[in-house]
Amino acid sequence: MIAELIAGIGPLWHERHQARLTERLRQRAVGAGAKHRFVFIDRLLATLVSLRHGTTHDVLAWWFGVDRSTITRAIGEVRPLLAQRGCTIAPDVRLRTLAEVIEYLGANGRTGIIDGTEIRVRRPAAGSKVRDKFISAKTRQNAVKAMVLTDADGRVLFCSPVQPGSCADITQVRQLGMVQLLADGPFMEILADAGYQGMGAQTGGGRVITPPHRKFKKNAPAWHEERHEQQRKAHSSRRIRVEHGIAHLKNWRALTRHLGRREHMSDIVQAVAGLLSHQQTAAPDRGLRA
């Protein structure tokens, strides 16, 4: 996997590095100036260790024998490149946008499962206009929210950029344009929880399946309660795969709780999703149990 990442991301990093050098007016001759002691392979390894284990930049700087600012700058350069790779579904085949995922599911007649996940972040400073925007209505903690889409086996196909924790699940999906993509795209089955109720009517019958409604709020007959419970459990047992996919994402320490800048969370979530999907594709059985 490391060799594939080096082959895929190395040229992109080198191209961006050269572009930065040519954008500004040169004060020295070509080839002059300090030389990189922190090569790209080490930059990539530092980024992967930071994402997987949540290792601080101070510790990484000590490991690699460089300054802390060098580690911070290197991770800031490599992390967006990892996020742009998208999710791997087959060797050399990746899905980078939600439209590509919907097209893939529709063309193959596959079932997709969506759910939102929250990641705790630092609270905005006192007096900030967005201080209450990140408070989750579910956990009452400061968090950001991402929408995760997996297939029926729990393999991650897409992870959205994050929104503040106060954003509702269905609002985030609408902002991503998923409702319109499903309405205009081929027929497919998307499983969702109660937070997405209403999408079925907006996208066409049978496309988005949510838990069944209760027809009786009071004094429900026993047969109805029993049937409702059976339907609810059947839906939950099919939808549980997305929870497994989210659990695999949260195994990466960078997504358990983020103590850095909130502006980096979208890149972090999408980079981890891309790396996890690559692992699941390379070793499907081991990837789903890891």
C-alpha atoms as a PDB file:
ATOM      1  CA  MET A   1       0.000   0.000   0.000  1.00  0.00           C
ATOM      2  CA  ILE A   2       2.826   2.417   0.836  1.00  0.00           C
ATOM      3  CA  ALA A   3       4.408   1.853  -2.562  1.00  0.00           C
ATOM      4  CA  GLU A   4       1.101   2.606  -4.305  1.00  0.00           C
ATOM      5  CA  LEU A   5       0.654   5.801  -2.300  1.00  0.00           C
ATOM      6  CA  ILE A   6       4.167   6.935  -3.137  1.00  0.00           C
ATOM      7  CA  ALA A   7       3.616   6.234  -6.835  1.00  0.00           C
ATOM      8  CA  GLY A   8       0.234   7.963  -6.879  1.00  0.00           C
ATOM      9  CA  ILE A   9       0.808  10.967  -4.640  1.00  0.00           C
ATOM     10  CA  GLY A  10       4.538  11.586  -5.063  1.00  0.00           C
ATOM     11  CA  PRO A  11       4.308  13.143  -8.549  1.00  0.00           C
ATOM     12  CA  LEU A  12       1.381  15.341  -7.440  1.00  0.00           C
ATOM     13  CA  TRP A  13       3.298  16.616  -4.424  1.00  0.00           C
ATOM     14  CA  HIS A  14       6.408  17.283  -6.526  1.00  0.00           C
ATOM     15  CA  GLU A  15       4.320  19.124  -9.134  1.00  0.00           C
ATOM     16  CA  ARG A  16       2.729  21.359  -6.503  1.00  0.00           C
ATOM     17  CA  HIS A  17       6.099  22.010  -4.900  1.00  0.00           C
ATOM     18  CA  GLN A  18       7.606  23.096  -8.205  1.00  0.00           C
ATOM     19  CA  ALA A  19       4.563  25.267  -8.924  1.00  0.00           C
ATOM     20  CA  ARG A  20       5.050  27.130  -5.641  1.00  0.00           C
ATOM     21  CA  LEU A  21       8.666  27.764  -6.510  1.00  0.00           C
ATOM     22  CA  THR A  22       7.861  29.154  -9.965  1.00  0.00           C
ATOM     23  CA  GLU A  23       4.970  31.359  -8.804  1.00  0.00           C
ATOM     24  CA  ARG A  24       7.195  33.802  -6.929  1.00  0.00           C
ATOM     25  CA  LEU A  25       9.984  35.987  -8.252  1.00  0.00           C
ATOM     26  CA  ARG A  26      13.305  34.250  -7.852  1.00  0.00           C
ATOM     27  CA  GLN A  27      15.958  35.860  -5.682  1.00  0.00           C
ATOM     28  CA  ARG A  28      18.506  33.116  -6.307  1.00  0.00           C
ATOM     29  CA  ALA A  29      19.661  31.049  -9.224  1.00  0.00           C
ATOM     30  CA  VAL A  30      17.887  27.792 -10.047  1.00  0.00           C
ATOM     31  CA  GLY A  31      19.196  25.046  -7.764  1.00  0.00           C
ATOM     32  CA  ALA A  32      20.425  27.411  -5.077  1.00  0.00           C
ATOM     33  CA  GLY A  33      19.077  27.581  -1.523  1.00  0.00           C
ATOM     34  CA  ALA A  34      18.488  25.004   1.174  1.00  0.00           C
ATOM     35  CA  LYS A  35      17.921  21.402   0.165  1.00  0.00           C
ATOM     36  CA  HIS A  36      15.152  19.198   1.507  1.00  0.00           C
ATOM     37  CA  ARG A  37      16.337  16.863   4.250  1.00  0.00           C
ATOM     38  CA  PHE A  38      12.771  15.706   4.905  1.00  0.00           C
ATOM     39  CA  VAL A  39      12.064  13.714   1.743  1.00  0.00           C
ATOM     40  CA  PHE A  40       8.590  12.941   0.436  1.00  0.00           C
ATOM     41  CA  ILE A  41       8.526   9.333   1.706  1.00  0.00           C
ATOM     42  CA  ASP A  42       9.133  10.564   5.251  1.00  0.00           C
ATOM     43  CA  ARG A  43       6.458  13.233   4.806  1.00  0.00           C
ATOM     44  CA  LEU A  44       3.954  10.590   3.743  1.00  0.00           C
ATOM     45  CA  LEU A  45       4.857   8.291   6.642  1.00  0.00           C
ATOM     46  CA  ALA A  46       4.513  11.142   9.133  1.00  0.00           C
ATOM     47  CA  THR A  47       1.062  11.952   7.768  1.00  0.00           C
ATOM     48  CA  LEU A  48      -0.080   8.323   7.945  1.00  0.00           C
ATOM     49  CA  VAL A  49       1.148   7.937  11.527  1.00  0.00           C
ATOM     50  CA  SER A  50      -0.606  11.163  12.502  1.00  0.00           C
ATOM     51  CA  LEU A  51      -3.905   9.981  10.997  1.00  0.00           C
ATOM     52  CA  ARG A  52      -3.758   6.395  12.255  1.00  0.00           C
ATOM     53  CA  HIS A  53      -2.411   6.895  15.770  1.00  0.00           C
ATOM     54  CA  GLY A  54      -3.055  10.585  16.471  1.00  0.00           C
ATOM     55  CA  THR A  55       0.626  11.121  17.262  1.00  0.00           C
ATOM     56  CA  THR A  56       1.417  14.738  18.092  1.00  0.00           C
ATOM     57  CA  HIS A  57       3.610  16.815  15.799  1.00  0.00           C
ATOM     58  CA  ASP A  58       6.196  17.230  18.584  1.00  0.00           C
ATOM     59  CA  VAL A  59       6.673  13.461  18.850  1.00  0.00           C
ATOM     60  CA  LEU A  60       6.842  13.068  15.053  1.00  0.00           C
ATOM     61  CA  ALA A  61       9.435  15.837  14.872  1.00  0.00           C
ATOM     62  CA  TRP A  62      11.574  13.991  17.421  1.00  0.00           C
ATOM     63  CA  TRP A  63      11.197  10.693  15.543  1.00  0.00           C
ATOM     64  CA  PHE A  64      12.216  12.138  12.184  1.00  0.00           C
ATOM     65  CA  GLY A  65      14.834  14.538  13.542  1.00  0.00           C
ATOM     66  CA  VAL A  66      13.275  17.722  12.163  1.00  0.00           C
ATOM     67  CA  ASP A  67      11.568  20.795  13.572  1.00  0.00           C
ATOM     68  CA  ARG A  68       7.920  20.706  14.618  1.00  0.00           C
ATOM     69  CA  SER A  69       7.006  23.335  12.024  1.00  0.00           C
ATOM     70  CA  THR A  70       8.442  21.088   9.316  1.00  0.00           C
ATOM     71  CA  ILE A  71       6.117  18.259  10.367  1.00  0.00           C
ATOM     72  CA  THR A  72       3.112  20.579  10.465  1.00  0.00           C
ATOM     73  CA  ARG A  73       3.890  21.939   7.009  1.00  0.00           C
ATOM     74  CA  ALA A  74       4.515  18.466   5.565  1.00  0.00           C
ATOM     75  CA  ILE A  75       1.234  17.050   6.907  1.00  0.00           C
ATOM     76  CA  GLY A  76      -0.593  20.114   5.610  1.00  0.00           C
ATOM     77  CA  GLU A  77       0.782  19.398   2.127  1.00  0.00           C
ATOM     78  CA  VAL A  78       0.199  15.622   2.011  1.00  0.00           C
ATOM     79  CA  ARG A  79      -3.167  15.369   3.760  1.00  0.00           C
ATOM     80  CA  PRO A  80      -5.193  17.187   1.016  1.00  0.00           C
ATOM     81  CA  LEU A  81      -3.624  14.919  -1.612  1.00  0.00           C
ATOM     82  CA  LEU A  82      -4.800  11.857   0.329  1.00  0.00           C
ATOM     83  CA  ALA A  83      -8.285  13.360   0.640  1.00  0.00           C
ATOM     84  CA  GLN A  84      -8.545  13.948  -3.118  1.00  0.00           C
ATOM     85  CA  ARG A  85      -7.847  10.307  -3.981  1.00  0.00           C
ATOM     86  CA  GLY A  86     -11.423   9.252  -3.247  1.00  0.00           C
ATOM     87  CA  CYS A  87     -12.587   5.794  -2.173  1.00  0.00           C
ATOM     88  CA  THR A  88     -11.246   2.684  -3.876  1.00  0.00           C
ATOM     89  CA  ILE A  89     -13.753   0.107  -5.166  1.00  0.00           C
ATOM     90  CA  ALA A  90     -11.324  -1.906  -7.317  1.00  0.00           C
ATOM     91  CA  PRO A  91      -7.622  -1.729  -8.153  1.00  0.00           C
ATOM     92  CA  ASP A  92      -7.021   1.640  -9.893  1.00  0.00           C
ATOM     93  CA  VAL A  93     -10.772   2.460  -9.769  1.00  0.00           C
ATOM     94  CA  ARG A  94     -11.840   5.202  -7.331  1.00  0.00           C
ATOM     95  CA  LEU A  95     -15.003   7.172  -6.626  1.00  0.00           C
ATOM     96  CA  ARG A  96     -14.288  10.822  -5.827  1.00  0.00           C
ATOM     97  CA  THR A  97     -17.701  12.504  -5.907  1.00  0.00           C
ATOM     98  CA  LEU A  98     -21.177  11.664  -4.680  1.00  0.00           C
ATOM     99  CA  ALA A  99     -22.452  11.680  -8.269  1.00  0.00           C
ATOM    100  CA  GLU A 100     -19.941   8.963  -9.185  1.00  0.00           C
ATOM    101  CA  VAL A 101     -21.052   6.867  -6.193  1.00  0.00           C
ATOM    102  CA  ILE A 102     -24.746   7.149  -7.142  1.00  0.00           C
ATOM    103  CA  GLU A 103     -23.926   6.211 -10.732  1.00  0.00           C
ATOM    104  CA  TYR A 104     -21.878   3.218  -9.548  1.00  0.00           C
ATOM    105  CA  LEU A 105     -24.653   1.934  -7.279  1.00  0.00           C
ATOM    106  CA  GLY A 106     -27.340   2.426  -9.912  1.00  0.00           C
ATOM    107  CA  ALA A 107     -25.369   0.803 -12.727  1.00  0.00           C
ATOM    108  CA  ASN A 108     -24.641  -2.309 -10.678  1.00  0.00           C
ATOM    109  CA  GLY A 109     -28.004  -2.574  -8.907  1.00  0.00           C
ATOM    110  CA  ARG A 110     -26.339  -2.351  -5.503  1.00  0.00           C
ATOM    111  CA  THR A 111     -27.810  -1.219  -2.207  1.00  0.00           C
ATOM    112  CA  GLY A 112     -26.311   1.792  -0.461  1.00  0.00           C
ATOM    113  CA  ILE A 113     -26.542   2.705   3.222  1.00  0.00           C
ATOM    114  CA  ILE A 114     -26.145   6.244   4.599  1.00  0.00           C
ATOM    115  CA  ASP A 115     -25.683   7.567   8.099  1.00  0.00           C
ATOM    116  CA  GLY A 116     -24.184  10.563   9.844  1.00  0.00           C
ATOM    117  CA  THR A 117     -21.287  10.409  12.279  1.00  0.00           C
ATOM    118  CA  GLU A 118     -20.014  13.031  14.695  1.00  0.00           C
ATOM    119  CA  ILE A 119     -16.428  13.825  15.692  1.00  0.00           C
ATOM    120  CA  ARG A 120     -15.657  15.860  18.780  1.00  0.00           C
ATOM    121  CA  VAL A 121     -13.700  19.064  18.216  1.00  0.00           C
ATOM    122  CA  ARG A 122     -12.514  22.025  20.228  1.00  0.00           C
ATOM    123  CA  ARG A 123     -15.051  24.582  21.356  1.00  0.00           C
ATOM    124  CA  PRO A 124     -14.815  27.937  19.555  1.00  0.00           C
ATOM    125  CA  ALA A 125     -13.362  30.794  21.567  1.00  0.00           C
ATOM    126  CA  ALA A 126     -15.545  32.800  23.923  1.00  0.00           C
ATOM    127  CA  GLY A 127     -17.364  35.581  22.108  1.00  0.00           C
ATOM    128  CA  SER A 128     -17.145  33.826  18.741  1.00  0.00           C
ATOM    129  CA  LYS A 129     -20.240  34.074  16.547  1.00  0.00           C
ATOM    130  CA  VAL A 130     -20.104  30.333  15.849  1.00  0.00           C
ATOM    131  CA  ARG A 131     -19.619  29.281  19.478  1.00  0.00           C
ATOM    132  CA  ASP A 132     -23.000  27.517  19.655  1.00  0.00           C
ATOM    133  CA  LYS A 133     -23.021  26.348  16.035  1.00  0.00           C
ATOM    134  CA  PHE A 134     -20.901  23.272  16.731  1.00  0.00           C
ATOM    135  CA  ILE A 135     -22.969  21.969  19.658  1.00  0.00           C
ATOM    136  CA  SER A 136     -24.608  18.697  18.670  1.00  0.00           C
ATOM    137  CA  ALA A 137     -28.288  18.329  19.536  1.00  0.00           C
ATOM    138  CA  LYS A 138     -27.714  14.592  20.080  1.00  0.00           C
ATOM    139  CA  THR A 139     -24.655  14.527  22.365  1.00  0.00           C
ATOM    140  CA  ARG A 140     -24.618  18.129  23.639  1.00  0.00           C
ATOM    141  CA  GLN A 141     -20.930  18.282  22.813  1.00  0.00           C
ATOM    142  CA  ASN A 142     -18.912  20.341  20.365  1.00  0.00           C
ATOM    143  CA  ALA A 143     -18.629  18.283  17.213  1.00  0.00           C
ATOM    144  CA  VAL A 144     -18.578  18.241  13.433  1.00  0.00           C
ATOM    145  CA  LYS A 145     -20.706  15.876  11.358  1.00  0.00           C
ATOM    146  CA  ALA A 146     -19.939  13.888   8.205  1.00  0.00           C
ATOM    147  CA  MET A 147     -22.233  11.753   6.053  1.00  0.00           C
ATOM    148  CA  VAL A 148     -20.909   8.245   5.346  1.00  0.00           C
ATOM    149  CA  LEU A 149     -22.193   6.080   2.493  1.00  0.00           C
ATOM    150  CA  THR A 150     -21.320   2.377   2.323  1.00  0.00           C
ATOM    151  CA  ASP A 151     -22.433  -0.584   0.273  1.00  0.00           C
ATOM    152  CA  ALA A 152     -24.404  -3.516   1.675  1.00  0.00           C
ATOM    153  CA  ASP A 153     -21.169  -5.123   2.918  1.00  0.00           C
ATOM    154  CA  GLY A 154     -20.096  -2.054   4.901  1.00  0.00           C
ATOM    155  CA  ARG A 155     -17.322  -0.955   2.541  1.00  0.00           C
ATOM    156  CA  VAL A 156     -16.914   2.819   2.566  1.00  0.00           C
ATOM    157  CA  LEU A 157     -17.818   4.406  -0.780  1.00  0.00           C
ATOM    158  CA  PHE A 158     -18.055   8.088   0.149  1.00  0.00           C
ATOM    159  CA  CYS A 159     -17.460  10.394   3.081  1.00  0.00           C
ATOM    160  CA  SER A 160     -18.666  13.975   2.835  1.00  0.00           C
ATOM    161  CA  PRO A 161     -16.968  17.178   3.971  1.00  0.00           C
ATOM    162  CA  VAL A 162     -17.929  18.003   7.539  1.00  0.00           C
ATOM    163  CA  GLN A 163     -20.631  20.350   8.762  1.00  0.00           C
ATOM    164  CA  PRO A 164     -21.074  21.842  12.258  1.00  0.00           C
ATOM    165  CA  GLY A 165     -22.642  19.451  14.751  1.00  0.00           C
ATOM    166  CA  SER A 166     -25.900  21.417  14.901  1.00  0.00           C
ATOM    167  CA  CYS A 167     -26.655  20.540  11.265  1.00  0.00           C
ATOM    168  CA  ALA A 168     -29.399  17.907  10.894  1.00  0.00           C
ATOM    169  CA  ASP A 169     -28.623  14.716   8.977  1.00  0.00           C
ATOM    170  CA  ILE A 170     -31.234  15.336   6.293  1.00  0.00           C
ATOM    171  CA  THR A 171     -30.108  18.962   5.893  1.00  0.00           C
ATOM    172  CA  GLN A 172     -26.556  17.854   5.215  1.00  0.00           C
ATOM    173  CA  VAL A 173     -27.737  15.364   2.584  1.00  0.00           C
ATOM    174  CA  ARG A 174     -29.793  18.050   0.862  1.00  0.00           C
ATOM    175  CA  GLN A 175     -26.826  20.426   0.823  1.00  0.00           C
ATOM    176  CA  LEU A 176     -24.720  17.697  -0.797  1.00  0.00           C
ATOM    177  CA  GLY A 177     -27.291  17.452  -3.607  1.00  0.00           C
ATOM    178  CA  MET A 178     -28.053  13.796  -2.949  1.00  0.00           C
ATOM    179  CA  VAL A 179     -31.819  14.259  -3.165  1.00  0.00           C
ATOM    180  CA  GLN A 180     -31.563  15.603  -6.706  1.00  0.00           C
ATOM    181  CA  LEU A 181     -29.027  12.961  -7.726  1.00  0.00           C
ATOM    182  CA  LEU A 182     -31.333  10.178  -6.573  1.00  0.00           C
ATOM    183  CA  ALA A 183     -34.412  11.736  -8.156  1.00  0.00           C
ATOM    184  CA  ASP A 184     -32.705  12.164 -11.547  1.00  0.00           C
ATOM    185  CA  GLY A 185     -30.568   9.024 -11.465  1.00  0.00           C
ATOM    186  CA  PRO A 186     -31.281   5.324 -11.988  1.00  0.00           C
ATOM    187  CA  PHE A 187     -33.463   3.401  -9.567  1.00  0.00           C
ATOM    188  CA  MET A 188     -31.588   2.078  -6.543  1.00  0.00           C
ATOM    189  CA  GLU A 189     -32.152   1.252  -2.896  1.00  0.00           C
ATOM    190  CA  ILE A 190     -30.697   3.476  -0.164  1.00  0.00           C
ATOM    191  CA  LEU A 191     -31.167   2.417   3.456  1.00  0.00           C
ATOM    192  CA  ALA A 192     -31.304   5.165   6.099  1.00  0.00           C
ATOM    193  CA  ASP A 193     -32.373   5.721   9.688  1.00  0.00           C
ATOM    194  CA  ALA A 194     -35.211   7.865  11.000  1.00  0.00           C
ATOM    195  CA  GLY A 195     -33.126  11.031  10.635  1.00  0.00           C
ATOM    196  CA  TYR A 196     -33.687  10.885   6.858  1.00  0.00           C
ATOM    197  CA  GLN A 197     -37.464  10.433   6.872  1.00  0.00           C
ATOM    198  CA  GLY A 198     -38.997  12.467   4.065  1.00  0.00           C
ATOM    199  CA  MET A 199     -36.303  11.693   1.494  1.00  0.00           C
ATOM    200  CA  GLY A 200     -38.353   8.802   0.114  1.00  0.00           C
ATOM    201  CA  ALA A 201     -41.113  11.120  -1.081  1.00  0.00           C
ATOM    202  CA  GLN A 202     -38.621  13.615  -2.501  1.00  0.00           C
ATOM    203  CA  THR A 203     -36.579  11.072  -4.487  1.00  0.00           C
ATOM    204  CA  GLY A 204     -39.300   8.732  -5.741  1.00  0.00           C
ATOM    205  CA  GLY A 205     -40.886   5.692  -4.156  1.00  0.00           C
ATOM    206  CA  GLY A 206     -38.578   2.909  -3.036  1.00  0.00           C
ATOM    207  CA  ARG A 207     -35.293   4.767  -3.427  1.00  0.00           C
ATOM    208  CA  VAL A 208     -34.726   5.804   0.205  1.00  0.00           C
ATOM    209  CA  ILE A 209     -36.038   3.325   2.786  1.00  0.00           C
ATOM    210  CA  THR A 210     -36.377   4.478   6.382  1.00  0.00           C
ATOM    211  CA  PRO A 211     -37.821   2.709   9.467  1.00  0.00           C
ATOM    212  CA  PRO A 212     -41.615   2.228   9.351  1.00  0.00           C
ATOM    213  CA  HIS A 213     -43.896   4.795  10.964  1.00  0.00           C
ATOM    214  CA  ARG A 214     -46.189   4.035  13.861  1.00  0.00           C
ATOM    215  CA  LYS A 215     -49.790   4.230  12.679  1.00  0.00           C
ATOM    216  CA  PHE A 216     -51.175   4.292  16.218  1.00  0.00           C
ATOM    217  CA  LYS A 217     -49.780   6.790  18.687  1.00  0.00           C
ATOM    218  CA  LYS A 218     -52.025   5.559  21.511  1.00  0.00           C
ATOM    219  CA  ASN A 219     -53.806   2.328  22.299  1.00  0.00           C
ATOM    220  CA  ALA A 220     -52.138   0.419  19.467  1.00  0.00           C
ATOM    221  CA  PRO A 221     -53.394  -3.148  19.022  1.00  0.00           C
ATOM    222  CA  ALA A 222     -51.000  -5.896  20.020  1.00  0.00           C
ATOM    223  CA  TRP A 223     -50.740  -7.280  16.484  1.00  0.00           C
ATOM    224  CA  HIS A 224     -49.656  -3.862  15.201  1.00  0.00           C
ATOM    225  CA  GLU A 225     -46.952  -3.440  17.841  1.00  0.00           C
ATOM    226  CA  GLU A 226     -45.579  -6.907  17.087  1.00  0.00           C
ATOM    227  CA  ARG A 227     -45.529  -6.289  13.336  1.00  0.00           C
ATOM    228  CA  HIS A 228     -43.974  -2.851  13.752  1.00  0.00           C
ATOM    229  CA  GLU A 229     -41.213  -4.288  15.925  1.00  0.00           C
ATOM    230  CA  GLN A 230     -40.463  -7.020  13.375  1.00  0.00           C
ATOM    231  CA  GLN A 231     -40.240  -4.487  10.544  1.00  0.00           C
ATOM    232  CA  ARG A 232     -38.040  -2.188  12.598  1.00  0.00           C
ATOM    233  CA  LYS A 233     -35.623  -4.999  13.506  1.00  0.00           C
ATOM    234  CA  ALA A 234     -35.487  -6.231   9.897  1.00  0.00           C
ATOM    235  CA  HIS A 235     -34.593  -2.743   8.693  1.00  0.00           C
ATOM    236  CA  SER A 236     -32.021  -2.276  11.457  1.00  0.00           C
ATOM    237  CA  SER A 237     -30.333  -5.601  10.698  1.00  0.00           C
ATOM    238  CA  ARG A 238     -29.839  -4.530   7.059  1.00  0.00           C
ATOM    239  CA  ARG A 239     -28.676  -1.026   7.948  1.00  0.00           C
ATOM    240  CA  ILE A 240     -26.200  -2.115  10.642  1.00  0.00           C
ATOM    241  CA  ARG A 241     -23.426  -2.463   8.042  1.00  0.00           C
ATOM    242  CA  VAL A 242     -22.986   1.286   7.826  1.00  0.00           C
ATOM    243  CA  GLU A 243     -22.405   1.350  11.587  1.00  0.00           C
ATOM    244  CA  HIS A 244     -19.629  -1.183  11.094  1.00  0.00           C
ATOM    245  CA  GLY A 245     -18.103   1.023   8.383  1.00  0.00           C
ATOM    246  CA  ILE A 246     -18.214   4.045  10.676  1.00  0.00           C
ATOM    247  CA  ALA A 247     -16.641   1.997  13.478  1.00  0.00           C
ATOM    248  CA  HIS A 248     -13.707   1.144  11.184  1.00  0.00           C
ATOM    249  CA  LEU A 249     -13.304   4.864  10.446  1.00  0.00           C
ATOM    250  CA  LYS A 250     -13.289   5.692  14.149  1.00  0.00           C
ATOM    251  CA  ASN A 251     -10.494   3.165  14.709  1.00  0.00           C
ATOM    252  CA  TRP A 252      -8.229   5.855  13.256  1.00  0.00           C
ATOM    253  CA  ARG A 253      -7.282   8.028  16.229  1.00  0.00           C
ATOM    254  CA  ALA A 254      -7.517  11.232  14.208  1.00  0.00           C
ATOM    255  CA  LEU A 255     -11.316  10.729  14.119  1.00  0.00           C
ATOM    256  CA  THR A 256     -11.902   9.850  17.771  1.00  0.00           C
ATOM    257  CA  ARG A 257     -11.431  13.425  18.964  1.00  0.00           C
ATOM    258  CA  HIS A 258      -9.744  16.252  17.079  1.00  0.00           C
ATOM    259  CA  LEU A 259      -7.804  18.812  19.095  1.00  0.00           C
ATOM    260  CA  GLY A 260      -6.408  20.764  16.152  1.00  0.00           C
ATOM    261  CA  ARG A 261      -7.980  23.239  13.758  1.00  0.00           C
ATOM    262  CA  ARG A 262     -11.555  22.486  12.748  1.00  0.00           C
ATOM    263  CA  GLU A 263     -10.801  23.731   9.224  1.00  0.00           C
ATOM    264  CA  HIS A 264      -8.752  20.578   8.582  1.00  0.00           C
ATOM    265  CA  MET A 265     -11.477  18.100   9.515  1.00  0.00           C
ATOM    266  CA  SER A 266     -12.918  17.663   6.017  1.00  0.00           C
ATOM    267  CA  ASP A 267      -9.507  16.672   4.642  1.00  0.00           C
ATOM    268  CA  ILE A 268      -8.857  14.379   7.609  1.00  0.00           C
ATOM    269  CA  VAL A 269     -12.181  12.529   7.296  1.00  0.00           C
ATOM    270  CA  GLN A 270     -11.914  12.081   3.532  1.00  0.00           C
ATOM    271  CA  ALA A 271      -8.243  11.051   3.716  1.00  0.00           C
ATOM    272  CA  VAL A 272      -9.040   8.359   6.303  1.00  0.00           C
ATOM    273  CA  ALA A 273     -12.044   7.164   4.260  1.00  0.00           C
ATOM    274  CA  GLY A 274      -9.865   6.813   1.174  1.00  0.00           C
ATOM    275  CA  LEU A 275      -7.160   4.907   3.032  1.00  0.00           C
ATOM    276  CA  LEU A 276      -9.699   2.617   4.721  1.00  0.00           C
ATOM    277  CA  SER A 277     -11.478   1.851   1.442  1.00  0.00           C
ATOM    278  CA  HIS A 278      -8.128   0.962  -0.137  1.00  0.00           C
ATOM    279  CA  GLN A 279      -7.447  -1.451   2.729  1.00  0.00           C
ATOM    280  CA  GLN A 280     -10.914  -3.006   2.453  1.00  0.00           C
ATOM    281  CA  THR A 281     -10.531  -3.488  -1.309  1.00  0.00           C
ATOM    282  CA  ALA A 282      -7.059  -5.004  -1.035  1.00  0.00           C
ATOM    283  CA  ALA A 283      -8.166  -7.490   1.654  1.00  0.00           C
ATOM    284  CA  PRO A 284     -11.979  -7.531   1.832  1.00  0.00           C
ATOM    285  CA  ASP A 285     -12.404 -10.081   4.634  1.00  0.00           C
ATOM    286  CA  ARG A 286      -9.646  -8.682   6.819  1.00  0.00           C
ATOM    287  CA  GLY A 287     -10.637  -5.090   6.069  1.00  0.00           C
ATOM    288  CA  LEU A 288     -14.207  -5.569   7.285  1.00  0.00           C
ATOM    289  CA  ARG A 289     -13.050  -7.195  10.537  1.00  0.00           C
ATOM    290  CA  ALA A 290     -10.168  -4.795  11.268  1.00  0.00           C
END
